[in-house]
């Protein structure tokens, strides 16, 4: 049985190392659906009931916490990232390029 697109997204997100982040678009590209970043976002929005999917590690292409409103509180996403050593200022990951995890480079 093949996995649904959402399940494929979750499998990739589970592989993001602690202290690293990736983008919706990078996941979409890795899954062969480069134009489906929005669908990855929808998958992330639906993942908050899944305890083993670290959704806080997925941000937009500029390192902004664009999905923060889907967490249990307005600051939960930032707090989870900061607990892993990622600095966030005004919803923007600092040093984004240095903590960015690209599944195309890491998993291929």
PDB file of N, CA and C in Angstrom:
ATOM      1  N   UNK A   1       0.846  -1.179   0.000  1.00  0.00           N
ATOM      2  CA  UNK A   1       0.000   0.000   0.000  1.00  0.00           C
ATOM      3  C   UNK A   1       0.895   1.247   0.000  1.00  0.00           C
ATOM      4  N   UNK A   2       0.602   2.168  -0.882  1.00  0.00           N
ATOM      5  CA  UNK A   2       1.412   3.382  -0.950  1.00  0.00           C
ATOM      6  C   UNK A   2       0.891   4.417   0.051  1.00  0.00           C
ATOM      7  N   UNK A   3       1.792   5.252   0.477  1.00  0.00           N
ATOM      8  CA  UNK A   3       1.450   6.292   1.447  1.00  0.00           C
ATOM      9  C   UNK A   3       0.764   7.460   0.754  1.00  0.00           C
ATOM     10  N   UNK A   4      -0.146   8.114   1.462  1.00  0.00           N
ATOM     11  CA  UNK A   4      -0.762   9.337   0.946  1.00  0.00           C
ATOM     12  C   UNK A   4       0.289  10.443   0.928  1.00  0.00           C
ATOM     13  N   UNK A   5       0.000  11.524   0.215  1.00  0.00           N
ATOM     14  CA  UNK A   5       0.932  12.646   0.175  1.00  0.00           C
ATOM     15  C   UNK A   5       1.207  13.166   1.578  1.00  0.00           C
ATOM     16  N   UNK A   6       0.170  13.327   2.401  1.00  0.00           N
ATOM     17  CA  UNK A   6       0.363  13.808   3.774  1.00  0.00           C
ATOM     18  C   UNK A   6       1.278  12.852   4.540  1.00  0.00           C
ATOM     19  N   UNK A   7       1.059  11.547   4.417  1.00  0.00           N
ATOM     20  CA  UNK A   7       1.897  10.566   5.119  1.00  0.00           C
ATOM     21  C   UNK A   7       3.340  10.641   4.636  1.00  0.00           C
ATOM     22  N   UNK A   8       3.546  10.868   3.335  1.00  0.00           N
ATOM     23  CA  UNK A   8       4.906  11.027   2.810  1.00  0.00           C
ATOM     24  C   UNK A   8       5.570  12.261   3.416  1.00  0.00           C
ATOM     25  N   UNK A   9       4.808  13.349   3.523  1.00  0.00           N
ATOM     26  CA  UNK A   9       5.329  14.571   4.150  1.00  0.00           C
ATOM     27  C   UNK A   9       5.754  14.272   5.580  1.00  0.00           C
ATOM     28  N   UNK A  10       4.903  13.593   6.333  1.00  0.00           N
ATOM     29  CA  UNK A  10       5.213  13.300   7.732  1.00  0.00           C
ATOM     30  C   UNK A  10       6.474  12.450   7.858  1.00  0.00           C
ATOM     31  N   UNK A  11       6.666  11.504   6.949  1.00  0.00           N
ATOM     32  CA  UNK A  11       7.866  10.659   6.994  1.00  0.00           C
ATOM     33  C   UNK A  11       9.124  11.508   6.790  1.00  0.00           C
ATOM     34  N   UNK A  12       9.081  12.489   5.914  1.00  0.00           N
ATOM     35  CA  UNK A  12      10.229  13.380   5.707  1.00  0.00           C
ATOM     36  C   UNK A  12      10.439  14.251   6.940  1.00  0.00           C
ATOM     37  N   UNK A  13       9.369  14.822   7.470  1.00  0.00           N
ATOM     38  CA  UNK A  13       9.484  15.720   8.630  1.00  0.00           C
ATOM     39  C   UNK A  13      10.092  14.983   9.823  1.00  0.00           C
ATOM     40  N   UNK A  14       9.763  13.730   9.984  1.00  0.00           N
ATOM     41  CA  UNK A  14      10.322  12.941  11.094  1.00  0.00           C
ATOM     42  C   UNK A  14      11.838  12.811  10.996  1.00  0.00           C
ATOM     43  N   UNK A  15      12.392  13.007   9.800  1.00  0.00           N
ATOM     44  CA  UNK A  15      13.837  12.861   9.587  1.00  0.00           C
ATOM     45  C   UNK A  15      14.623  14.141   9.821  1.00  0.00           C
ATOM     46  N   UNK A  16      13.934  15.273   9.992  1.00  0.00           N
ATOM     47  CA  UNK A  16      14.636  16.544  10.220  1.00  0.00           C
ATOM     48  C   UNK A  16      15.337  16.463  11.577  1.00  0.00           C
ATOM     49  N   UNK A  17      16.646  16.631  11.595  1.00  0.00           N
ATOM     50  CA  UNK A  17      17.366  16.532  12.868  1.00  0.00           C
ATOM     51  C   UNK A  17      16.984  17.646  13.841  1.00  0.00           C
ATOM     52  N   UNK A  18      17.082  17.338  15.109  1.00  0.00           N
ATOM     53  CA  UNK A  18      16.869  18.348  16.140  1.00  0.00           C
ATOM     54  C   UNK A  18      17.849  19.490  15.910  1.00  0.00           C
ATOM     55  N   UNK A  19      17.365  20.722  16.076  1.00  0.00           N
ATOM     56  CA  UNK A  19      18.217  21.888  15.885  1.00  0.00           C
ATOM     57  C   UNK A  19      18.353  22.323  14.440  1.00  0.00           C
ATOM     58  N   UNK A  20      17.580  21.710  13.548  1.00  0.00           N
ATOM     59  CA  UNK A  20      17.590  22.064  12.128  1.00  0.00           C
ATOM     60  C   UNK A  20      16.156  22.326  11.682  1.00  0.00           C
ATOM     61  N   UNK A  21      15.998  23.009  10.567  1.00  0.00           N
ATOM     62  CA  UNK A  21      14.678  23.294  10.002  1.00  0.00           C
ATOM     63  C   UNK A  21      14.723  23.086   8.491  1.00  0.00           C
ATOM     64  N   UNK A  22      13.550  22.932   7.901  1.00  0.00           N
ATOM     65  CA  UNK A  22      13.432  22.895   6.447  1.00  0.00           C
ATOM     66  C   UNK A  22      12.207  23.693   6.056  1.00  0.00           C
ATOM     67  N   UNK A  23      11.972  23.789   4.759  1.00  0.00           N
ATOM     68  CA  UNK A  23      10.844  24.580   4.272  1.00  0.00           C
ATOM     69  C   UNK A  23       9.789  23.691   3.625  1.00  0.00           C
ATOM     70  N   UNK A  24       8.603  24.245   3.508  1.00  0.00           N
ATOM     71  CA  UNK A  24       7.506  23.544   2.838  1.00  0.00           C
ATOM     72  C   UNK A  24       7.930  23.176   1.417  1.00  0.00           C
ATOM     73  N   UNK A  25       8.545  24.127   0.735  1.00  0.00           N
ATOM     74  CA  UNK A  25       8.958  23.911  -0.644  1.00  0.00           C
ATOM     75  C   UNK A  25      10.038  22.855  -0.790  1.00  0.00           C
ATOM     76  N   UNK A  26      10.976  22.807   0.145  1.00  0.00           N
ATOM     77  CA  UNK A  26      12.039  21.798   0.076  1.00  0.00           C
ATOM     78  C   UNK A  26      11.464  20.395   0.226  1.00  0.00           C
ATOM     79  N   UNK A  27      10.472  20.247   1.081  1.00  0.00           N
ATOM     80  CA  UNK A  27       9.818  18.940   1.243  1.00  0.00           C
ATOM     81  C   UNK A  27       9.060  18.584  -0.032  1.00  0.00           C
ATOM     82  N   UNK A  28       8.321  19.551  -0.580  1.00  0.00           N
ATOM     83  CA  UNK A  28       7.567  19.310  -1.817  1.00  0.00           C
ATOM     84  C   UNK A  28       8.508  18.895  -2.945  1.00  0.00           C
ATOM     85  N   UNK A  29       9.613  19.591  -3.084  1.00  0.00           N
ATOM     86  CA  UNK A  29      10.586  19.284  -4.138  1.00  0.00           C
ATOM     87  C   UNK A  29      11.142  17.872  -3.951  1.00  0.00           C
ATOM     88  N   UNK A  30      11.487  17.523  -2.723  1.00  0.00           N
ATOM     89  CA  UNK A  30      12.018  16.193  -2.442  1.00  0.00           C
ATOM     90  C   UNK A  30      11.011  15.098  -2.815  1.00  0.00           C
ATOM     91  N   UNK A  31       9.739  15.366  -2.585  1.00  0.00           N
ATOM     92  CA  UNK A  31       8.692  14.388  -2.879  1.00  0.00           C
ATOM     93  C   UNK A  31       8.297  14.390  -4.359  1.00  0.00           C
ATOM     94  N   UNK A  32       8.989  15.192  -5.173  1.00  0.00           N
ATOM     95  CA  UNK A  32       8.721  15.208  -6.605  1.00  0.00           C
ATOM     96  C   UNK A  32       7.533  16.055  -6.985  1.00  0.00           C
ATOM     97  N   UNK A  33       7.113  16.924  -6.082  1.00  0.00           N
ATOM     98  CA  UNK A  33       5.957  17.787  -6.296  1.00  0.00           C
ATOM     99  C   UNK A  33       6.356  19.226  -6.001  1.00  0.00           C
ATOM    100  N   UNK A  34       7.337  19.726  -6.718  1.00  0.00           N
ATOM    101  CA  UNK A  34       7.909  21.029  -6.440  1.00  0.00           C
ATOM    102  C   UNK A  34       6.927  22.177  -6.343  1.00  0.00           C
ATOM    103  N   UNK A  35       5.773  22.062  -6.989  1.00  0.00           N
ATOM    104  CA  UNK A  35       4.781  23.133  -6.948  1.00  0.00           C
ATOM    105  C   UNK A  35       3.766  22.939  -5.820  1.00  0.00           C
ATOM    106  N   UNK A  36       4.011  21.993  -4.931  1.00  0.00           N
ATOM    107  CA  UNK A  36       3.030  21.635  -3.899  1.00  0.00           C
ATOM    108  C   UNK A  36       3.400  22.092  -2.499  1.00  0.00           C
ATOM    109  N   UNK A  37       4.145  23.177  -2.384  1.00  0.00           N
ATOM    110  CA  UNK A  37       4.525  23.680  -1.050  1.00  0.00           C
ATOM    111  C   UNK A  37       3.284  23.959  -0.213  1.00  0.00           C
ATOM    112  N   UNK A  38       2.240  24.465  -0.836  1.00  0.00           N
ATOM    113  CA  UNK A  38       1.009  24.769  -0.096  1.00  0.00           C
ATOM    114  C   UNK A  38       0.385  23.490   0.461  1.00  0.00           C
ATOM    115  N   UNK A  39       0.451  22.407  -0.308  1.00  0.00           N
ATOM    116  CA  UNK A  39      -0.080  21.134   0.188  1.00  0.00           C
ATOM    117  C   UNK A  39       0.739  20.622   1.375  1.00  0.00           C
ATOM    118  N   UNK A  40       2.043  20.852   1.347  1.00  0.00           N
ATOM    119  CA  UNK A  40       2.885  20.484   2.491  1.00  0.00           C
ATOM    120  C   UNK A  40       2.434  21.292   3.706  1.00  0.00           C
ATOM    121  N   UNK A  41       2.120  22.563   3.494  1.00  0.00           N
ATOM    122  CA  UNK A  41       1.606  23.398   4.579  1.00  0.00           C
ATOM    123  C   UNK A  41       0.310  22.847   5.143  1.00  0.00           C
ATOM    124  N   UNK A  42      -0.572  22.407   4.251  1.00  0.00           N
ATOM    125  CA  UNK A  42      -1.829  21.809   4.724  1.00  0.00           C
ATOM    126  C   UNK A  42      -1.557  20.543   5.535  1.00  0.00           C
ATOM    127  N   UNK A  43      -0.588  19.757   5.090  1.00  0.00           N
ATOM    128  CA  UNK A  43      -0.218  18.547   5.844  1.00  0.00           C
ATOM    129  C   UNK A  43       0.299  18.931   7.227  1.00  0.00           C
ATOM    130  N   UNK A  44       1.126  19.978   7.295  1.00  0.00           N
ATOM    131  CA  UNK A  44       1.649  20.418   8.580  1.00  0.00           C
ATOM    132  C   UNK A  44       0.518  20.909   9.483  1.00  0.00           C
ATOM    133  N   UNK A  45      -0.434  21.630   8.918  1.00  0.00           N
ATOM    134  CA  UNK A  45      -1.571  22.114   9.709  1.00  0.00           C
ATOM    135  C   UNK A  45      -2.363  20.952  10.287  1.00  0.00           C
ATOM    136  N   UNK A  46      -2.413  19.843   9.577  1.00  0.00           N
ATOM    137  CA  UNK A  46      -3.171  18.672  10.016  1.00  0.00           C
ATOM    138  C   UNK A  46      -2.362  17.751  10.930  1.00  0.00           C
ATOM    139  N   UNK A  47      -1.090  18.067  11.140  1.00  0.00           N
ATOM    140  CA  UNK A  47      -0.203  17.143  11.863  1.00  0.00           C
ATOM    141  C   UNK A  47      -0.160  17.364  13.368  1.00  0.00           C
ATOM    142  N   UNK A  48      -0.809  18.383  13.859  1.00  0.00           N
ATOM    143  CA  UNK A  48      -0.629  18.749  15.266  1.00  0.00           C
ATOM    144  C   UNK A  48      -1.226  17.758  16.252  1.00  0.00           C
ATOM    145  N   UNK A  49      -1.972  16.804  15.767  1.00  0.00           N
ATOM    146  CA  UNK A  49      -2.467  15.746  16.653  1.00  0.00           C
ATOM    147  C   UNK A  49      -1.541  14.539  16.626  1.00  0.00           C
ATOM    148  N   UNK A  50      -0.497  14.602  15.818  1.00  0.00           N
ATOM    149  CA  UNK A  50       0.462  13.497  15.696  1.00  0.00           C
ATOM    150  C   UNK A  50       1.703  13.828  16.518  1.00  0.00           C
ATOM    151  N   UNK A  51       1.891  13.153  17.647  1.00  0.00           N
ATOM    152  CA  UNK A  51       2.976  13.535  18.564  1.00  0.00           C
ATOM    153  C   UNK A  51       4.383  13.307  18.018  1.00  0.00           C
ATOM    154  N   UNK A  52       4.551  12.432  17.032  1.00  0.00           N
ATOM    155  CA  UNK A  52       5.897  12.118  16.554  1.00  0.00           C
ATOM    156  C   UNK A  52       6.296  12.903  15.298  1.00  0.00           C
ATOM    157  N   UNK A  53       5.507  13.911  14.914  1.00  0.00           N
ATOM    158  CA  UNK A  53       5.828  14.741  13.753  1.00  0.00           C
ATOM    159  C   UNK A  53       6.269  16.117  14.255  1.00  0.00           C
ATOM    160  N   UNK A  54       7.568  16.437  14.149  1.00  0.00           N
ATOM    161  CA  UNK A  54       8.069  17.717  14.658  1.00  0.00           C
ATOM    162  C   UNK A  54       7.753  18.877  13.705  1.00  0.00           C
ATOM    163  N   UNK A  55       6.486  19.242  13.636  1.00  0.00           N
ATOM    164  CA  UNK A  55       6.009  20.271  12.703  1.00  0.00           C
ATOM    165  C   UNK A  55       6.677  21.623  12.927  1.00  0.00           C
ATOM    166  N   UNK A  56       7.170  21.865  14.130  1.00  0.00           N
ATOM    167  CA  UNK A  56       7.815  23.150  14.417  1.00  0.00           C
ATOM    168  C   UNK A  56       9.089  23.349  13.595  1.00  0.00           C
ATOM    169  N   UNK A  57       9.620  22.285  13.020  1.00  0.00           N
ATOM    170  CA  UNK A  57      10.856  22.370  12.236  1.00  0.00           C
ATOM    171  C   UNK A  57      10.614  22.709  10.763  1.00  0.00           C
ATOM    172  N   UNK A  58       9.359  22.987  10.399  1.00  0.00           N
ATOM    173  CA  UNK A  58       9.036  23.326   9.010  1.00  0.00           C
ATOM    174  C   UNK A  58       8.563  24.775   8.957  1.00  0.00           C
ATOM    175  N   UNK A  59       9.277  25.587   8.170  1.00  0.00           N
ATOM    176  CA  UNK A  59       9.011  27.019   8.078  1.00  0.00           C
ATOM    177  C   UNK A  59       8.906  27.419   6.607  1.00  0.00           C
ATOM    178  N   UNK A  60       8.656  28.682   6.355  1.00  0.00           N
ATOM    179  CA  UNK A  60       8.575  29.085   4.946  1.00  0.00           C
ATOM    180  C   UNK A  60       9.977  29.274   4.367  1.00  0.00           C
ATOM    181  N   UNK A  61      10.050  29.553   3.085  1.00  0.00           N
ATOM    182  CA  UNK A  61      11.335  29.598   2.376  1.00  0.00           C
ATOM    183  C   UNK A  61      12.267  30.703   2.856  1.00  0.00           C
ATOM    184  N   UNK A  62      11.724  31.658   3.606  1.00  0.00           N
ATOM    185  CA  UNK A  62      12.538  32.751   4.144  1.00  0.00           C
ATOM    186  C   UNK A  62      12.883  32.562   5.617  1.00  0.00           C
ATOM    187  N   UNK A  63      12.509  31.426   6.172  1.00  0.00           N
ATOM    188  CA  UNK A  63      12.789  31.175   7.581  1.00  0.00           C
ATOM    189  C   UNK A  63      11.794  31.796   8.535  1.00  0.00           C
ATOM    190  N   UNK A  64      10.634  32.163   8.019  1.00  0.00           N
ATOM    191  CA  UNK A  64       9.593  32.747   8.875  1.00  0.00           C
ATOM    192  C   UNK A  64       8.696  31.661   9.447  1.00  0.00           C
ATOM    193  N   UNK A  65       8.247  31.868  10.677  1.00  0.00           N
ATOM    194  CA  UNK A  65       7.363  30.915  11.347  1.00  0.00           C
ATOM    195  C   UNK A  65       5.926  31.132  10.870  1.00  0.00           C
ATOM    196  N   UNK A  66       5.700  30.882   9.609  1.00  0.00           N
ATOM    197  CA  UNK A  66       4.401  31.178   8.996  1.00  0.00           C
ATOM    198  C   UNK A  66       3.282  30.263   9.493  1.00  0.00           C
ATOM    199  N   UNK A  67       3.621  29.130  10.078  1.00  0.00           N
ATOM    200  CA  UNK A  67       2.594  28.210  10.574  1.00  0.00           C
ATOM    201  C   UNK A  67       2.337  28.300  12.065  1.00  0.00           C
ATOM    202  N   UNK A  68       2.877  29.315  12.717  1.00  0.00           N
ATOM    203  CA  UNK A  68       2.807  29.382  14.181  1.00  0.00           C
ATOM    204  C   UNK A  68       1.385  29.435  14.724  1.00  0.00           C
ATOM    205  N   UNK A  69       0.435  29.938  13.931  1.00  0.00           N
ATOM    206  CA  UNK A  69      -0.940  30.060  14.420  1.00  0.00           C
ATOM    207  C   UNK A  69      -1.634  28.709  14.547  1.00  0.00           C
ATOM    208  N   UNK A  70      -1.028  27.668  14.012  1.00  0.00           N
ATOM    209  CA  UNK A  70      -1.630  26.343  14.090  1.00  0.00           C
ATOM    210  C   UNK A  70      -1.147  25.535  15.304  1.00  0.00           C
ATOM    211  N   UNK A  71      -0.324  26.148  16.125  1.00  0.00           N
ATOM    212  CA  UNK A  71       0.167  25.486  17.337  1.00  0.00           C
ATOM    213  C   UNK A  71      -0.733  25.831  18.517  1.00  0.00           C
ATOM    214  N   UNK A  72      -0.487  25.173  19.638  1.00  0.00           N
ATOM    215  CA  UNK A  72      -1.356  25.311  20.810  1.00  0.00           C
ATOM    216  C   UNK A  72      -1.390  26.722  21.394  1.00  0.00           C
ATOM    217  N   UNK A  73      -0.334  27.493  21.145  1.00  0.00           N
ATOM    218  CA  UNK A  73      -0.303  28.892  21.583  1.00  0.00           C
ATOM    219  C   UNK A  73       0.489  29.681  20.540  1.00  0.00           C
ATOM    220  N   UNK A  74       0.355  30.993  20.530  1.00  0.00           N
ATOM    221  CA  UNK A  74       1.070  31.805  19.537  1.00  0.00           C
ATOM    222  C   UNK A  74       2.596  31.713  19.629  1.00  0.00           C
ATOM    223  N   UNK A  75       3.101  31.283  20.786  1.00  0.00           N
ATOM    224  CA  UNK A  75       4.555  31.213  20.959  1.00  0.00           C
ATOM    225  C   UNK A  75       5.092  29.778  21.001  1.00  0.00           C
ATOM    226  N   UNK A  76       4.228  28.786  20.875  1.00  0.00           N
ATOM    227  CA  UNK A  76       4.654  27.383  21.026  1.00  0.00           C
ATOM    228  C   UNK A  76       5.694  26.969  19.986  1.00  0.00           C
ATOM    229  N   UNK A  77       5.518  27.393  18.739  1.00  0.00           N
ATOM    230  CA  UNK A  77       6.471  27.017  17.685  1.00  0.00           C
ATOM    231  C   UNK A  77       7.848  27.605  17.983  1.00  0.00           C
ATOM    232  N   UNK A  78       7.894  28.888  18.320  1.00  0.00           N
ATOM    233  CA  UNK A  78       9.163  29.539  18.642  1.00  0.00           C
ATOM    234  C   UNK A  78       9.812  28.882  19.857  1.00  0.00           C
ATOM    235  N   UNK A  79       9.014  28.588  20.873  1.00  0.00           N
ATOM    236  CA  UNK A  79       9.565  27.966  22.085  1.00  0.00           C
ATOM    237  C   UNK A  79      10.169  26.602  21.779  1.00  0.00           C
ATOM    238  N   UNK A  80       9.512  25.826  20.923  1.00  0.00           N
ATOM    239  CA  UNK A  80      10.031  24.497  20.566  1.00  0.00           C
ATOM    240  C   UNK A  80      11.349  24.625  19.795  1.00  0.00           C
ATOM    241  N   UNK A  81      11.431  25.587  18.893  1.00  0.00           N
ATOM    242  CA  UNK A  81      12.672  25.807  18.144  1.00  0.00           C
ATOM    243  C   UNK A  81      13.788  26.288  19.058  1.00  0.00           C
ATOM    244  N   UNK A  82      13.475  27.225  19.944  1.00  0.00           N
ATOM    245  CA  UNK A  82      14.493  27.743  20.855  1.00  0.00           C
ATOM    246  C   UNK A  82      14.989  26.666  21.813  1.00  0.00           C
ATOM    247  N   UNK A  83      14.117  25.736  22.182  1.00  0.00           N
ATOM    248  CA  UNK A  83      14.527  24.625  23.047  1.00  0.00           C
ATOM    249  C   UNK A  83      15.551  23.729  22.348  1.00  0.00           C
ATOM    250  N   UNK A  84      15.595  23.802  21.019  1.00  0.00           N
ATOM    251  CA  UNK A  84      16.559  23.026  20.232  1.00  0.00           C
ATOM    252  C   UNK A  84      17.770  23.871  19.831  1.00  0.00           C
ATOM    253  N   UNK A  85      17.854  25.094  20.352  1.00  0.00           N
ATOM    254  CA  UNK A  85      19.011  25.933  20.097  1.00  0.00           C
ATOM    255  C   UNK A  85      18.891  26.855  18.893  1.00  0.00           C
ATOM    256  N   UNK A  86      17.713  26.953  18.305  1.00  0.00           N
ATOM    257  CA  UNK A  86      17.508  27.833  17.160  1.00  0.00           C
ATOM    258  C   UNK A  86      17.025  29.186  17.657  1.00  0.00           C
ATOM    259  N   UNK A  87      17.707  30.229  17.243  1.00  0.00           N
ATOM    260  CA  UNK A  87      17.344  31.584  17.668  1.00  0.00           C
ATOM    261  C   UNK A  87      16.286  32.148  16.730  1.00  0.00           C
ATOM    262  N   UNK A  88      15.214  32.717  17.324  1.00  0.00           N
ATOM    263  CA  UNK A  88      14.121  33.303  16.561  1.00  0.00           C
ATOM    264  C   UNK A  88      13.896  34.732  17.068  1.00  0.00           C
ATOM    265  N   UNK A  89      13.847  35.677  16.137  1.00  0.00           N
ATOM    266  CA  UNK A  89      13.571  37.078  16.472  1.00  0.00           C
ATOM    267  C   UNK A  89      12.464  37.564  15.542  1.00  0.00           C
ATOM    268  N   UNK A  90      11.387  38.066  16.125  1.00  0.00           N
ATOM    269  CA  UNK A  90      10.243  38.558  15.334  1.00  0.00           C
ATOM    270  C   UNK A  90       9.766  37.526  14.316  1.00  0.00           C
ATOM    271  N   UNK A  91       9.603  36.287  14.777  1.00  0.00           N
ATOM    272  CA  UNK A  91       9.124  35.171  13.959  1.00  0.00           C
ATOM    273  C   UNK A  91      10.070  34.799  12.818  1.00  0.00           C
ATOM    274  N   UNK A  92      11.309  35.235  12.874  1.00  0.00           N
ATOM    275  CA  UNK A  92      12.302  34.960  11.835  1.00  0.00           C
ATOM    276  C   UNK A  92      13.454  34.160  12.436  1.00  0.00           C
ATOM    277  N   UNK A  93      13.775  33.018  11.818  1.00  0.00           N
ATOM    278  CA  UNK A  93      14.913  32.226  12.278  1.00  0.00           C
ATOM    279  C   UNK A  93      16.191  32.972  11.940  1.00  0.00           C
ATOM    280  N   UNK A  94      17.028  33.131  12.930  1.00  0.00           N
ATOM    281  CA  UNK A  94      18.317  33.801  12.750  1.00  0.00           C
ATOM    282  C   UNK A  94      19.330  32.784  12.227  1.00  0.00           C
ATOM    283  N   UNK A  95      20.146  33.192  11.283  1.00  0.00           N
ATOM    284  CA  UNK A  95      21.118  32.271  10.696  1.00  0.00           C
ATOM    285  C   UNK A  95      20.424  31.134   9.969  1.00  0.00           C
ATOM    286  N   UNK A  96      19.342  31.447   9.277  1.00  0.00           N
ATOM    287  CA  UNK A  96      18.505  30.431   8.630  1.00  0.00           C
ATOM    288  C   UNK A  96      19.314  29.481   7.754  1.00  0.00           C
ATOM    289  N   UNK A  97      20.200  30.010   6.941  1.00  0.00           N
ATOM    290  CA  UNK A  97      20.978  29.152   6.037  1.00  0.00           C
ATOM    291  C   UNK A  97      21.831  28.142   6.801  1.00  0.00           C
ATOM    292  N   UNK A  98      22.304  28.519   7.973  1.00  0.00           N
ATOM    293  CA  UNK A  98      23.177  27.623   8.728  1.00  0.00           C
ATOM    294  C   UNK A  98      22.420  26.491   9.430  1.00  0.00           C
ATOM    295  N   UNK A  99      21.109  26.645   9.625  1.00  0.00           N
ATOM    296  CA  UNK A  99      20.328  25.576  10.272  1.00  0.00           C
ATOM    297  C   UNK A  99      19.379  24.892   9.292  1.00  0.00           C
ATOM    298  N   UNK A 100      19.398  25.328   8.024  1.00  0.00           N
ATOM    299  CA  UNK A 100      18.514  24.754   7.018  1.00  0.00           C
ATOM    300  C   UNK A 100      18.942  23.335   6.667  1.00  0.00           C
ATOM    301  N   UNK A 101      17.968  22.431   6.670  1.00  0.00           N
ATOM    302  CA  UNK A 101      18.189  21.020   6.322  1.00  0.00           C
ATOM    303  C   UNK A 101      17.468  20.762   5.010  1.00  0.00           C
ATOM    304  N   UNK A 102      18.215  20.398   3.977  1.00  0.00           N
ATOM    305  CA  UNK A 102      17.647  20.162   2.657  1.00  0.00           C
ATOM    306  C   UNK A 102      17.526  18.663   2.425  1.00  0.00           C
ATOM    307  N   UNK A 103      16.295  18.133   2.379  1.00  0.00           N
ATOM    308  CA  UNK A 103      16.143  16.688   2.180  1.00  0.00           C
ATOM    309  C   UNK A 103      16.725  16.206   0.863  1.00  0.00           C
ATOM    310  N   UNK A 104      16.802  17.073  -0.159  1.00  0.00           N
ATOM    311  CA  UNK A 104      17.393  16.681  -1.438  1.00  0.00           C
ATOM    312  C   UNK A 104      18.876  16.360  -1.270  1.00  0.00           C
ATOM    313  N   UNK A 105      19.545  17.082  -0.387  1.00  0.00           N
ATOM    314  CA  UNK A 105      20.977  16.846  -0.161  1.00  0.00           C
ATOM    315  C   UNK A 105      21.211  15.739   0.858  1.00  0.00           C
ATOM    316  N   UNK A 106      20.348  15.680   1.854  1.00  0.00           N
ATOM    317  CA  UNK A 106      20.568  14.761   2.968  1.00  0.00           C
ATOM    318  C   UNK A 106      20.050  13.342   2.714  1.00  0.00           C
ATOM    319  N   UNK A 107      19.019  13.210   1.901  1.00  0.00           N
ATOM    320  CA  UNK A 107      18.365  11.912   1.752  1.00  0.00           C
ATOM    321  C   UNK A 107      18.578  11.257   0.392  1.00  0.00           C
ATOM    322  N   UNK A 108      19.176  11.963  -0.536  1.00  0.00           N
ATOM    323  CA  UNK A 108      19.352  11.387  -1.878  1.00  0.00           C
ATOM    324  C   UNK A 108      20.646  10.615  -1.957  1.00  0.00           C
TER     325      UNK A 108
END
